[in-house]
Protein backbone atom coordinates (compact mmCIF):
# COMPACT_ATOMS: atom_id res chain seq x y z
CA MET A 1 9.03 11.02 58.64
CA SER A 2 6.88 12.66 56.00
CA ASP A 3 3.62 11.08 54.86
CA GLU A 4 5.09 10.49 51.39
CA LYS A 5 8.13 8.65 52.80
CA ALA A 6 5.95 6.63 55.17
CA ASN A 7 3.73 5.45 52.31
CA LEU A 8 6.78 4.55 50.23
CA PHE A 9 8.25 2.54 53.13
CA LYS A 10 4.97 0.66 53.60
CA HIS A 11 4.86 -0.16 49.86
CA HIS A 12 8.44 -1.51 49.92
CA SER A 13 7.77 -3.54 53.07
CA ARG A 14 4.71 -5.14 51.48
CA THR A 15 6.70 -5.99 48.33
CA ILE A 16 9.51 -7.58 50.35
CA ALA A 17 7.05 -9.62 52.40
CA LEU A 18 5.21 -10.90 49.32
CA GLY A 19 8.47 -11.81 47.62
CA THR A 20 9.66 -13.76 50.65
CA ALA A 21 6.37 -15.67 50.85
CA ALA A 22 6.54 -16.57 47.16
CA ALA A 23 10.08 -17.89 47.59
CA LEU A 24 8.97 -20.08 50.50
CA VAL A 25 6.09 -21.54 48.47
CA LEU A 26 8.36 -22.39 45.53
CA LEU A 27 10.92 -24.06 47.78
CA GLY A 28 8.17 -26.03 49.48
CA MET A 29 6.80 -27.32 46.16
CA SER A 30 10.23 -28.54 45.17
CA ALA A 31 10.54 -30.61 48.33
CA PHE A 32 7.10 -32.22 48.51
CA ALA A 33 5.05 -34.32 46.13
CA LEU A 34 1.84 -33.34 44.40
CA VAL A 35 -0.76 -35.94 45.25
CA PRO A 36 -4.24 -36.07 43.69
CA GLY A 37 -6.80 -34.59 45.58
CA VAL A 38 -7.98 -31.67 47.97
CA ARG A 39 -10.91 -29.35 47.77
CA SER A 40 -10.44 -25.93 49.28
CA ALA A 41 -12.36 -25.71 52.55
CA ASP A 42 -13.34 -22.09 51.99
CA SER A 43 -14.50 -22.27 48.37
CA GLY A 44 -16.72 -24.28 46.07
CA ALA A 45 -13.92 -25.11 43.62
CA ALA A 46 -14.18 -28.73 42.54
CA SER A 47 -10.46 -29.34 42.24
CA ARG A 48 -7.91 -26.76 43.34
CA LEU A 49 -4.42 -27.09 44.76
CA VAL A 50 -4.05 -25.42 48.17
CA ALA A 51 -1.20 -25.10 50.65
CA VAL A 52 -1.86 -26.80 54.00
CA ALA A 53 0.51 -25.66 56.74
CA GLN A 54 0.95 -27.36 60.12
CA PRO A 55 -0.47 -25.27 63.02
CA GLY A 56 2.05 -23.39 65.14
CA LEU A 57 4.95 -23.78 62.70
CA LYS A 58 5.33 -20.54 60.77
CA ALA A 59 8.25 -21.72 58.61
CA THR A 60 6.83 -25.16 57.74
CA PRO A 61 6.78 -25.65 53.93
CA PRO A 62 3.29 -26.43 52.63
CA ARG A 63 2.13 -29.86 51.50
CA MET A 64 0.23 -29.78 48.23
CA LEU A 65 -2.96 -31.86 48.26
CA GLU A 66 -6.01 -32.24 46.06
CA ASN A 67 -9.46 -33.65 46.87
CA GLY A 68 -8.42 -35.10 50.22
CA ALA A 69 -6.22 -37.97 48.98
CA PRO A 70 -3.48 -39.17 51.34
CA PHE A 71 -0.10 -37.56 50.97
CA SER A 72 1.68 -40.93 51.20
CA PHE A 73 1.40 -44.09 49.08
CA ALA A 74 2.20 -46.19 52.16
CA ASP A 75 -1.34 -47.47 52.80
CA LEU A 76 -1.73 -48.54 49.17
CA VAL A 77 1.65 -50.29 49.10
CA GLU A 78 1.04 -52.03 52.42
CA ARG A 79 -2.22 -53.45 51.07
CA VAL A 80 -1.00 -54.70 47.67
CA SER A 81 2.65 -55.64 48.12
CA PRO A 82 2.02 -59.03 49.84
CA ALA A 83 0.66 -60.28 46.48
CA VAL A 84 3.70 -59.15 44.44
CA VAL A 85 6.13 -62.05 44.12
CA THR A 86 9.65 -62.84 43.00
CA ILE A 87 9.89 -65.35 40.18
CA THR A 88 13.06 -67.30 39.45
CA ALA A 89 13.42 -69.43 36.33
CA GLU A 90 16.00 -72.18 35.95
CA THR A 91 17.17 -72.86 32.39
CA MET A 92 19.97 -74.82 30.74
CA GLU A 93 22.38 -72.85 28.59
CA THR A 94 25.32 -73.75 26.40
CA GLY A 95 28.09 -71.18 26.31
CA ALA A 96 29.79 -70.25 23.04
CA ASP A 97 33.33 -71.51 22.58
CA GLU A 98 35.57 -68.45 22.99
CA ALA A 99 38.50 -70.21 21.26
CA ALA A 100 36.42 -70.70 18.10
CA GLU A 101 36.97 -67.06 17.15
CA LEU A 102 40.78 -67.33 17.31
CA PRO A 103 43.05 -68.12 14.32
CA ALA A 104 43.57 -71.87 13.86
CA PRO A 105 47.04 -72.23 15.47
CA PHE A 106 46.00 -70.30 18.57
CA ARG A 107 42.64 -72.09 18.70
CA ASP A 108 44.41 -75.48 18.70
CA PHE A 109 46.74 -74.29 21.45
CA PHE A 110 43.84 -73.08 23.61
CA ASN A 111 41.90 -76.30 23.09
CA GLN A 112 44.96 -78.44 23.82
CA TYR A 113 45.43 -76.84 27.22
CA GLY A 114 41.76 -76.53 28.04
CA GLN A 115 41.57 -72.76 27.73
CA GLY A 116 38.49 -72.71 25.48
CA ARG A 117 35.14 -72.37 27.24
CA SER A 118 33.38 -75.68 27.67
CA MET A 119 30.33 -76.37 25.50
CA THR A 120 28.78 -78.52 28.23
CA PRO A 121 25.27 -77.28 29.11
CA HIS A 122 25.09 -75.51 32.45
CA LYS A 123 22.33 -74.25 34.72
CA ALA A 124 21.36 -70.58 34.57
CA ILE A 125 19.02 -68.70 36.90
CA SER A 126 17.09 -65.57 35.95
CA ALA A 127 14.75 -63.54 38.13
CA GLY A 128 11.73 -61.35 37.51
CA SER A 129 8.48 -60.29 39.11
CA GLY A 130 4.87 -61.41 39.12
CA PHE A 131 1.60 -60.97 41.00
CA ILE A 132 -1.06 -63.27 42.44
CA ILE A 133 -4.49 -62.69 40.89
CA ASP A 134 -6.57 -65.06 43.01
CA ARG A 135 -6.32 -66.65 46.44
CA GLY A 136 -6.14 -70.12 44.89
CA GLY A 137 -2.64 -69.44 43.58
CA PHE A 138 -2.80 -68.20 39.97
CA VAL A 139 0.20 -65.96 39.23
CA VAL A 140 0.74 -63.67 36.23
CA THR A 141 4.13 -62.67 34.82
CA ASN A 142 5.84 -61.96 31.51
CA ASN A 143 6.46 -64.82 29.12
CA HIS A 144 10.07 -63.71 28.67
CA VAL A 145 10.67 -64.09 32.42
CA ILE A 146 9.97 -67.85 32.34
CA ALA A 147 10.73 -68.71 28.68
CA ASN A 148 12.37 -72.15 28.27
CA ALA A 149 12.45 -72.66 32.05
CA ARG A 150 12.92 -76.19 33.45
CA LYS A 151 11.90 -75.08 36.90
CA ILE A 152 9.94 -72.01 38.05
CA THR A 153 9.88 -70.83 41.67
CA VAL A 154 7.52 -68.25 43.17
CA LYS A 155 8.62 -66.54 46.38
CA LEU A 156 6.29 -64.38 48.45
CA PRO A 157 7.44 -61.32 50.44
CA ASP A 158 6.76 -63.21 53.69
CA GLY A 159 9.39 -65.78 52.76
CA ARG A 160 7.13 -68.61 51.58
CA SER A 161 8.37 -70.28 48.41
CA TYR A 162 6.59 -72.60 45.97
CA GLU A 163 7.48 -74.44 42.79
CA ALA A 164 5.08 -73.25 40.11
CA LYS A 165 3.32 -75.08 37.32
CA LEU A 166 3.18 -73.34 33.95
CA ILE A 167 -0.48 -73.16 32.86
CA GLY A 168 0.15 -71.45 29.54
CA THR A 169 1.91 -68.65 27.72
CA ASP A 170 1.14 -66.21 24.93
CA ARG A 171 4.26 -65.02 23.14
CA GLN A 172 2.30 -62.49 21.08
CA THR A 173 1.44 -60.44 24.18
CA ASP A 174 4.35 -61.64 26.38
CA ILE A 175 1.98 -62.95 29.08
CA ALA A 176 2.39 -66.16 31.11
CA LEU A 177 0.10 -67.77 33.70
CA LEU A 178 1.48 -69.89 36.56
CA LYS A 179 -0.17 -71.88 39.36
CA VAL A 180 1.15 -72.64 42.83
CA LYS A 181 -0.32 -74.91 45.50
CA ALA A 182 -0.43 -73.46 48.99
CA ASP A 183 -1.80 -74.84 52.25
CA LYS A 184 -3.87 -71.70 52.84
CA PRO A 185 -5.34 -68.86 50.75
CA LEU A 186 -2.77 -66.49 49.29
CA PRO A 187 -2.87 -62.68 49.18
CA SER A 188 -4.11 -61.40 45.82
CA VAL A 189 -4.77 -58.23 43.85
CA GLU A 190 -7.58 -57.37 41.46
CA PHE A 191 -7.63 -55.93 37.95
CA GLY A 192 -8.76 -52.38 37.29
CA ASP A 193 -10.02 -50.81 34.07
CA ASP A 194 -7.11 -49.32 32.15
CA ARG A 195 -9.61 -47.76 29.72
CA GLN A 196 -10.38 -45.20 32.44
CA VAL A 197 -6.70 -44.25 32.84
CA ARG A 198 -5.70 -40.80 31.60
CA VAL A 199 -2.33 -39.27 30.79
CA GLY A 200 -1.13 -37.57 33.98
CA ASP A 201 -2.72 -40.07 36.39
CA TRP A 202 -0.57 -41.33 39.26
CA VAL A 203 0.66 -44.93 39.13
CA VAL A 204 2.68 -47.12 41.51
CA ALA A 205 4.94 -49.91 40.23
CA VAL A 206 6.05 -52.78 42.45
CA GLY A 207 8.68 -55.32 41.47
CA ASN A 208 12.12 -56.78 42.04
CA PRO A 209 14.69 -54.67 40.18
CA TYR A 210 18.17 -56.16 40.32
CA GLY A 211 16.88 -58.83 42.71
CA LEU A 212 15.79 -56.31 45.36
CA SER A 213 12.42 -57.74 46.40
CA ASN A 214 9.30 -55.58 46.59
CA THR A 215 10.78 -52.29 45.51
CA VAL A 216 8.17 -49.56 45.02
CA THR A 217 8.37 -46.65 42.57
CA ALA A 218 5.77 -44.02 41.69
CA GLY A 219 5.17 -41.76 38.73
CA ILE A 220 2.55 -40.74 36.23
CA VAL A 221 1.10 -42.11 33.03
CA SER A 222 3.14 -40.47 30.27
CA SER A 223 1.22 -41.76 27.25
CA LEU A 224 -1.37 -44.31 26.17
CA GLY A 225 -1.68 -46.67 23.21
CA ARG A 226 2.03 -46.95 22.51
CA ASP A 227 2.93 -49.19 19.55
CA LEU A 228 6.46 -50.52 20.08
CA PRO A 229 8.50 -52.08 17.25
CA GLY A 230 8.83 -55.83 17.62
CA SER A 231 6.14 -56.08 20.30
CA GLY A 232 3.54 -57.71 18.05
CA PRO A 233 0.17 -56.39 16.88
CA TYR A 234 -1.91 -57.12 19.99
CA ASN A 235 -0.57 -54.69 22.58
CA ASP A 236 -1.19 -50.98 23.12
CA PHE A 237 1.29 -50.20 25.88
CA ILE A 238 0.79 -47.76 28.73
CA GLN A 239 3.88 -45.56 29.01
CA ILE A 240 4.82 -44.63 32.57
CA ASP A 241 7.66 -42.66 34.13
CA ALA A 242 7.80 -44.66 37.38
CA PRO A 243 11.38 -46.03 37.32
CA ILE A 244 11.52 -49.53 35.83
CA ASN A 245 14.71 -51.60 35.72
CA SER A 246 15.92 -55.12 35.00
CA GLY A 247 13.95 -57.52 37.20
CA ASN A 248 10.79 -55.39 37.19
CA SER A 249 9.43 -57.42 34.26
CA GLY A 250 6.16 -59.09 35.21
CA GLY A 251 5.47 -56.79 38.14
CA PRO A 252 2.16 -54.92 38.45
CA THR A 253 1.38 -51.25 37.87
CA PHE A 254 -1.32 -49.98 40.26
CA ASP A 255 -3.66 -47.03 40.17
CA LEU A 256 -4.43 -45.11 43.36
CA ARG A 257 -7.26 -47.52 44.20
CA GLY A 258 -4.73 -50.34 44.42
CA GLN A 259 -6.04 -52.07 41.29
CA VAL A 260 -3.75 -53.50 38.62
CA ILE A 261 -4.00 -51.38 35.48
CA GLY A 262 -0.90 -52.84 33.78
CA MET A 263 2.10 -55.17 33.93
CA ASN A 264 5.62 -53.75 33.67
CA SER A 265 7.20 -55.32 30.61
CA MET A 266 9.62 -53.13 28.67
CA ILE A 267 11.91 -50.14 28.95
CA VAL A 268 13.51 -47.93 26.35
CA SER A 269 16.98 -47.04 27.53
CA PRO A 270 20.41 -46.29 26.03
CA THR A 271 22.08 -47.80 29.11
CA GLY A 272 19.76 -50.62 30.18
CA GLY A 273 18.61 -48.68 33.24
CA SER A 274 15.54 -46.57 33.84
CA VAL A 275 15.42 -43.19 32.14
CA GLY A 276 11.76 -42.62 32.89
CA ILE A 277 10.40 -44.48 29.85
CA GLY A 278 8.76 -47.72 30.93
CA PHE A 279 5.93 -49.65 29.29
CA ALA A 280 3.15 -51.71 30.82
CA ILE A 281 0.78 -54.19 29.17
CA PRO A 282 -2.81 -52.93 29.76
CA ALA A 283 -4.92 -54.80 32.31
CA THR A 284 -7.70 -55.47 29.80
CA THR A 285 -5.25 -57.35 27.58
CA ILE A 286 -3.90 -59.34 30.55
CA HIS A 287 -7.41 -60.18 31.76
CA ASP A 288 -8.51 -61.49 28.35
CA VAL A 289 -5.35 -63.52 27.76
CA VAL A 290 -5.37 -65.00 31.27
CA GLY A 291 -8.98 -66.07 30.77
CA GLU A 292 -8.00 -67.95 27.60
CA LEU A 293 -4.98 -69.54 29.28
CA GLN A 294 -7.08 -70.67 32.25
CA SER A 295 -9.70 -72.20 29.96
CA HIS A 296 -7.57 -73.69 27.19
CA GLY A 297 -3.89 -73.32 28.11
CA ARG A 298 -3.43 -71.26 24.93
CA VAL A 299 -4.89 -68.21 23.19
CA ASP A 300 -7.02 -68.75 20.08
CA ARG A 301 -7.27 -65.72 17.81
CA GLY A 302 -9.49 -65.02 14.85
CA TYR A 303 -7.85 -65.27 11.45
CA LEU A 304 -8.81 -63.73 8.10
CA GLY A 305 -5.86 -64.82 5.97
CA VAL A 306 -4.60 -61.50 4.65
CA ASN A 307 -1.45 -59.43 4.81
CA ILE A 308 -2.51 -55.82 5.43
CA GLN A 309 -0.99 -52.35 5.73
CA SER A 310 -2.22 -49.10 7.19
CA VAL A 311 -3.52 -46.56 4.68
CA THR A 312 -1.03 -43.69 4.73
CA PRO A 313 -1.78 -40.23 3.32
CA GLU A 314 0.38 -41.14 0.28
CA ILE A 315 -1.55 -44.35 -0.33
CA ALA A 316 -4.86 -42.53 0.15
CA ARG A 317 -3.90 -39.89 -2.44
CA SER A 318 -2.83 -42.54 -4.94
CA LEU A 319 -6.23 -44.27 -4.56
CA ASN A 320 -8.21 -40.99 -4.50
CA ILE A 321 -9.47 -41.76 -0.98
CA ALA A 322 -10.33 -38.63 0.99
CA ASN A 323 -9.83 -40.09 4.49
CA PRO A 324 -6.41 -41.73 5.07
CA LYS A 325 -7.75 -44.42 7.38
CA GLY A 326 -8.31 -48.14 7.09
CA ALA A 327 -6.18 -51.13 6.07
CA ILE A 328 -5.23 -52.10 2.54
CA VAL A 329 -5.02 -55.79 1.58
CA ALA A 330 -1.52 -56.45 0.24
CA GLU A 331 -1.70 -60.24 0.08
CA ILE A 332 -4.37 -62.92 0.34
CA VAL A 333 -3.52 -66.38 1.66
CA PRO A 334 -4.75 -68.99 -0.87
CA GLY A 335 -7.59 -71.05 0.57
CA GLY A 336 -7.94 -68.79 3.62
CA PRO A 337 -11.14 -67.16 4.90
CA ALA A 338 -10.52 -63.94 2.94
CA ALA A 339 -9.94 -65.80 -0.32
CA THR A 340 -13.11 -67.83 0.20
CA ALA A 341 -15.12 -64.69 0.99
CA GLY A 342 -14.01 -62.90 -2.17
CA PHE A 343 -11.48 -60.35 -0.94
CA GLN A 344 -9.16 -58.94 -3.61
CA GLN A 345 -5.66 -57.54 -3.48
CA GLY A 346 -5.91 -53.76 -3.14
CA ASP A 347 -9.19 -53.77 -1.21
CA VAL A 348 -9.20 -51.11 1.51
CA VAL A 349 -11.03 -52.29 4.65
CA VAL A 350 -12.71 -49.28 6.25
CA ALA A 351 -15.16 -50.96 8.65
CA LEU A 352 -15.61 -54.23 10.54
CA ASN A 353 -19.09 -55.14 11.84
CA GLY A 354 -20.14 -51.52 11.44
CA ARG A 355 -17.18 -50.15 13.38
CA ASN A 356 -14.72 -47.87 11.56
CA VAL A 357 -11.21 -49.28 11.09
CA GLU A 358 -8.43 -46.85 12.00
CA ASP A 359 -5.40 -48.73 10.67
CA ALA A 360 -3.90 -52.18 10.12
CA ARG A 361 -3.13 -52.69 13.81
CA ASP A 362 -6.70 -51.79 14.76
CA LEU A 363 -8.11 -54.28 12.25
CA THR A 364 -5.72 -57.04 13.35
CA ARG A 365 -6.70 -56.69 17.03
CA HIS A 366 -10.42 -56.74 16.33
CA ILE A 367 -10.24 -59.73 13.99
CA ALA A 368 -8.19 -61.56 16.62
CA ALA A 369 -10.97 -60.97 19.17
CA ILE A 370 -13.62 -62.64 16.96
CA PRO A 371 -14.17 -66.34 17.79
CA SER A 372 -13.22 -68.88 15.17
CA GLY A 373 -16.26 -69.88 13.08
CA ALA A 374 -18.11 -66.60 13.63
CA LYS A 375 -19.29 -64.47 10.71
CA ALA A 376 -17.93 -60.94 10.30
CA SER A 377 -19.07 -58.16 7.99
CA PHE A 378 -16.44 -56.03 6.26
CA THR A 379 -16.86 -52.77 4.38
CA VAL A 380 -14.20 -52.31 1.70
CA ILE A 381 -13.39 -49.74 -0.97
CA ARG A 382 -12.50 -51.36 -4.29
CA ASN A 383 -11.72 -49.25 -7.37
CA GLY A 384 -13.43 -46.29 -5.74
CA GLN A 385 -16.64 -48.20 -4.97
CA GLN A 386 -17.84 -49.41 -1.58
CA HIS A 387 -18.60 -53.12 -1.15
CA ASN A 388 -19.77 -55.29 1.75
CA ILE A 389 -18.12 -58.69 2.27
CA SER A 390 -19.17 -61.37 4.74
CA ALA A 391 -16.42 -63.72 5.88
CA LYS A 392 -16.26 -66.69 8.23
CA ILE A 393 -13.39 -66.10 10.63
CA GLY A 394 -10.88 -68.92 10.96
CA ASN A 395 -8.40 -69.91 13.67
CA ARG A 396 -4.94 -68.38 13.37
CA PRO A 397 -2.40 -71.00 12.26
CA ASP A 398 1.28 -71.06 13.16
CA GLU A 399 3.30 -68.15 11.79
CA ARG A 400 4.77 -68.57 8.34
CA VAL A 401 8.51 -68.18 7.92
CA ALA A 402 9.41 -65.64 5.26
CA ALA A 403 12.25 -66.45 2.88
CA ASN A 404 15.31 -64.24 3.22
CA ASP A 405 17.44 -63.28 0.26
CA ASP A 406 21.19 -63.23 0.63
CA GLY A 407 24.17 -61.15 -0.39
CA ASP A 408 24.77 -63.20 -3.55
CA SER A 409 21.33 -62.31 -4.91
CA ARG A 410 21.93 -58.62 -4.19
CA ASP A 411 25.21 -58.80 -6.07
CA ALA A 412 23.45 -60.50 -8.96
CA ALA A 413 20.95 -57.65 -9.10
CA GLN A 414 23.69 -55.07 -9.22
CA SER A 415 25.45 -56.95 -12.04
CA MET A 416 22.27 -56.76 -14.18
CA GLY A 417 21.95 -52.99 -13.82
CA GLY A 418 23.51 -52.21 -17.20
CA ASN A 419 20.59 -53.73 -19.14
CA ALA A 420 17.79 -52.41 -16.92
CA VAL A 421 14.97 -50.06 -17.89
CA GLU A 422 14.75 -46.97 -15.66
CA ALA A 423 11.56 -45.70 -13.98
CA MET A 424 11.15 -43.59 -10.80
CA GLY A 425 14.79 -44.06 -9.91
CA LEU A 426 14.48 -47.85 -10.20
CA GLY A 427 16.51 -50.08 -12.49
CA LEU A 428 14.08 -52.74 -13.77
CA ALA A 429 14.63 -56.14 -15.38
CA ALA A 430 12.52 -59.10 -16.41
CA VAL A 431 11.95 -62.03 -14.06
CA THR A 432 13.72 -64.98 -15.69
CA PRO A 433 14.45 -68.55 -14.57
CA GLU A 434 17.95 -67.39 -13.64
CA THR A 435 16.76 -64.49 -11.51
CA ARG A 436 14.15 -66.71 -9.87
CA ARG A 437 16.94 -68.99 -8.67
CA SER A 438 19.21 -66.11 -7.66
CA PHE A 439 16.55 -64.27 -5.68
CA ASN A 440 14.51 -67.27 -4.51
CA ILE A 441 11.43 -65.89 -6.27
CA ASP A 442 8.35 -68.13 -6.14
CA ALA A 443 7.19 -69.64 -9.40
CA GLY A 444 3.79 -68.04 -8.92
CA ILE A 445 5.19 -64.47 -8.76
CA ASP A 446 4.83 -62.55 -12.03
CA GLY A 447 6.18 -59.02 -12.22
CA VAL A 448 9.21 -56.82 -12.76
CA LEU A 449 12.49 -57.26 -10.90
CA VAL A 450 14.15 -54.26 -9.23
CA VAL A 451 17.90 -54.48 -9.87
CA ARG A 452 19.03 -50.98 -8.90
CA VAL A 453 17.67 -48.20 -6.68
CA ASP A 454 18.70 -44.56 -6.81
CA PRO A 455 19.35 -43.69 -3.15
CA ASN A 456 18.21 -40.11 -3.80
CA SER A 457 14.83 -41.19 -5.18
CA ASP A 458 11.53 -41.36 -3.31
CA ALA A 459 11.45 -45.10 -4.07
CA GLY A 460 14.75 -45.45 -2.23
CA ASP A 461 13.44 -43.42 0.69
CA LYS A 462 10.40 -45.72 0.88
CA GLY A 463 12.60 -48.80 1.34
CA ILE A 464 12.45 -50.44 -2.10
CA GLN A 465 15.59 -52.55 -2.59
CA PRO A 466 17.28 -54.55 -5.34
CA GLY A 467 15.67 -57.98 -5.47
CA ASP A 468 12.13 -56.71 -4.86
CA VAL A 469 9.53 -57.57 -7.52
CA VAL A 470 6.93 -55.02 -8.65
CA LEU A 471 3.64 -56.88 -9.17
CA SER A 472 1.33 -54.02 -10.12
CA VAL A 473 1.27 -50.27 -10.79
CA ALA A 474 -1.91 -48.40 -9.80
CA ASN A 475 -3.55 -51.81 -9.22
CA LYS A 476 -2.78 -52.85 -12.81
CA PRO A 477 -0.53 -55.94 -13.18
CA VAL A 478 2.86 -55.46 -14.87
CA HIS A 479 4.78 -58.26 -16.57
CA ASN A 480 7.98 -56.67 -17.95
CA PRO A 481 10.04 -53.49 -17.50
CA ARG A 482 8.63 -51.64 -20.52
CA ASP A 483 5.10 -52.47 -19.39
CA MET A 484 5.84 -50.90 -16.02
CA ALA A 485 7.55 -47.81 -17.48
CA ALA A 486 4.55 -47.23 -19.78
CA GLN A 487 2.13 -47.53 -16.86
CA VAL A 488 4.11 -45.04 -14.76
CA SER A 489 4.20 -42.65 -17.71
CA ALA A 490 0.41 -42.96 -18.14
CA GLU A 491 -0.15 -42.15 -14.44
CA ARG A 492 2.10 -39.09 -14.74
CA SER A 493 0.29 -37.91 -17.89
CA ALA A 494 -3.01 -38.24 -16.01
CA GLY A 495 -1.73 -35.66 -13.54
CA HIS A 496 -1.08 -38.08 -10.66
CA ARG A 497 1.83 -37.14 -8.42
CA THR A 498 2.04 -40.54 -6.72
CA VAL A 499 1.51 -44.08 -7.91
CA LEU A 500 0.70 -47.16 -5.85
CA LEU A 501 3.10 -50.07 -6.34
CA LEU A 502 2.49 -53.61 -5.09
CA ILE A 503 5.87 -55.07 -4.14
CA ALA A 504 6.87 -58.66 -3.38
CA THR A 505 9.78 -58.66 -0.95
CA GLN A 506 11.30 -61.39 1.22
CA GLY A 507 8.35 -63.72 0.98
CA ALA A 508 5.63 -61.11 1.59
CA THR A 509 3.83 -58.39 -0.37
CA ARG A 510 3.17 -54.76 0.52
CA PHE A 511 1.85 -51.57 -1.07
CA ILE A 512 4.12 -48.56 -1.43
CA ALA A 513 3.03 -45.14 -2.70
CA VAL A 514 5.90 -43.60 -4.67
CA ASP A 515 6.23 -39.99 -5.83
CA ILE A 516 6.45 -39.79 -9.64
CA GLY A 517 6.39 -35.99 -9.93
CA GLN A 518 4.42 -33.90 -12.37
CA ALA A 519 3.93 -34.52 -16.10
């Protein structure tokens, strides 16, 4: 064989060998997990993934390790799972009468022969998860797991079962605290610091999906600070991709140290099963709420007495604010702490006790954390000027129920459209005694009634609806349709592309920045 052919053969052999090795590594990675930790033994790299093969087995796929952490979660699970419990809640339910939806003759026939479902209350049992946080028997779970329960039972993995006493619940954060009495100390877990958790960190979830006790799943943190619709203003959920299913509610989420960094509470799913989008209440929130429930049996939150909104870029432009951050005051509760302190509608709160306010949710959480009776200092922007306001924080009262309008009032609005003044795609009419009755408008509300909305307008896109009342335009009160049209025209002539409207809708007020185009 010539030297040229020999060199070519060697080159091809080397290429084939390297290709085969690469294929083996890829196959190995698909079959084994990546676990945090290993430092390369032959280098100074602080954190590098290396393949570790078993001696004497040439074809063994590599295990991927980093910084010396164990390949398996078994030790962690063995240590924490004794403190993860099954919680069953016994409630009384009344079934709907199936025959009630049938036409009258058939309904009578069904009732005569006892075919309709009985309305007699019956016992119902639901199951969830929980975890023991101290050896004396305090147990944490979700409020929705034990809501309206007549009897709550806590069952440990070792088979022991106890009837639990409800210490307190907090519906706003969906947290409940239970207490069981045992003849000896119980296994428990400790809280970690979720503020140290990063996206991509490993987590382990333990719970009872579909009644299967102490099922363990693992995954990573997918996102932090999730704000979920309908979850209230006091939670910033940790999103995880460890599979979560029905029955996991109330179970703990652990970090690799075996500390609780969250409580499994919600899933987003088109089918009701896990699709890798689960949400856990952060440990810091649980810790604070549990402390309040242990001390008082309830959670007391600071209260300012305002209805606020986040400052959007549109609202910021309409107010000539450079930085679209903070919370704008849309409504002030008469006689509340804010009213007493001198807050005004349209004030933009940009700082609380020297700390910048990001948005309405941020402000709500930090006010809630201030004890009732304490003084708080607010920095607000009012008419382009910065002001400092000192307010004495109150104690949050029960939630107010907002009035809902009905279909008849919407129809009444549509019937008035022929006489309405037009502005920004809105049909506008005066607020009269008749419209007050039709739309259940408070006597104290003075403004302009929206009776028609162009669905192709920016106002329609922003959610303005017939029956809403415009209270002010660019922070200037309006009292009739022509007044409002003139104010909008003046804003357009001044070169403003958007105008800030204060809207009263369904018992509450809110600011909406609406595009009015160029002059």
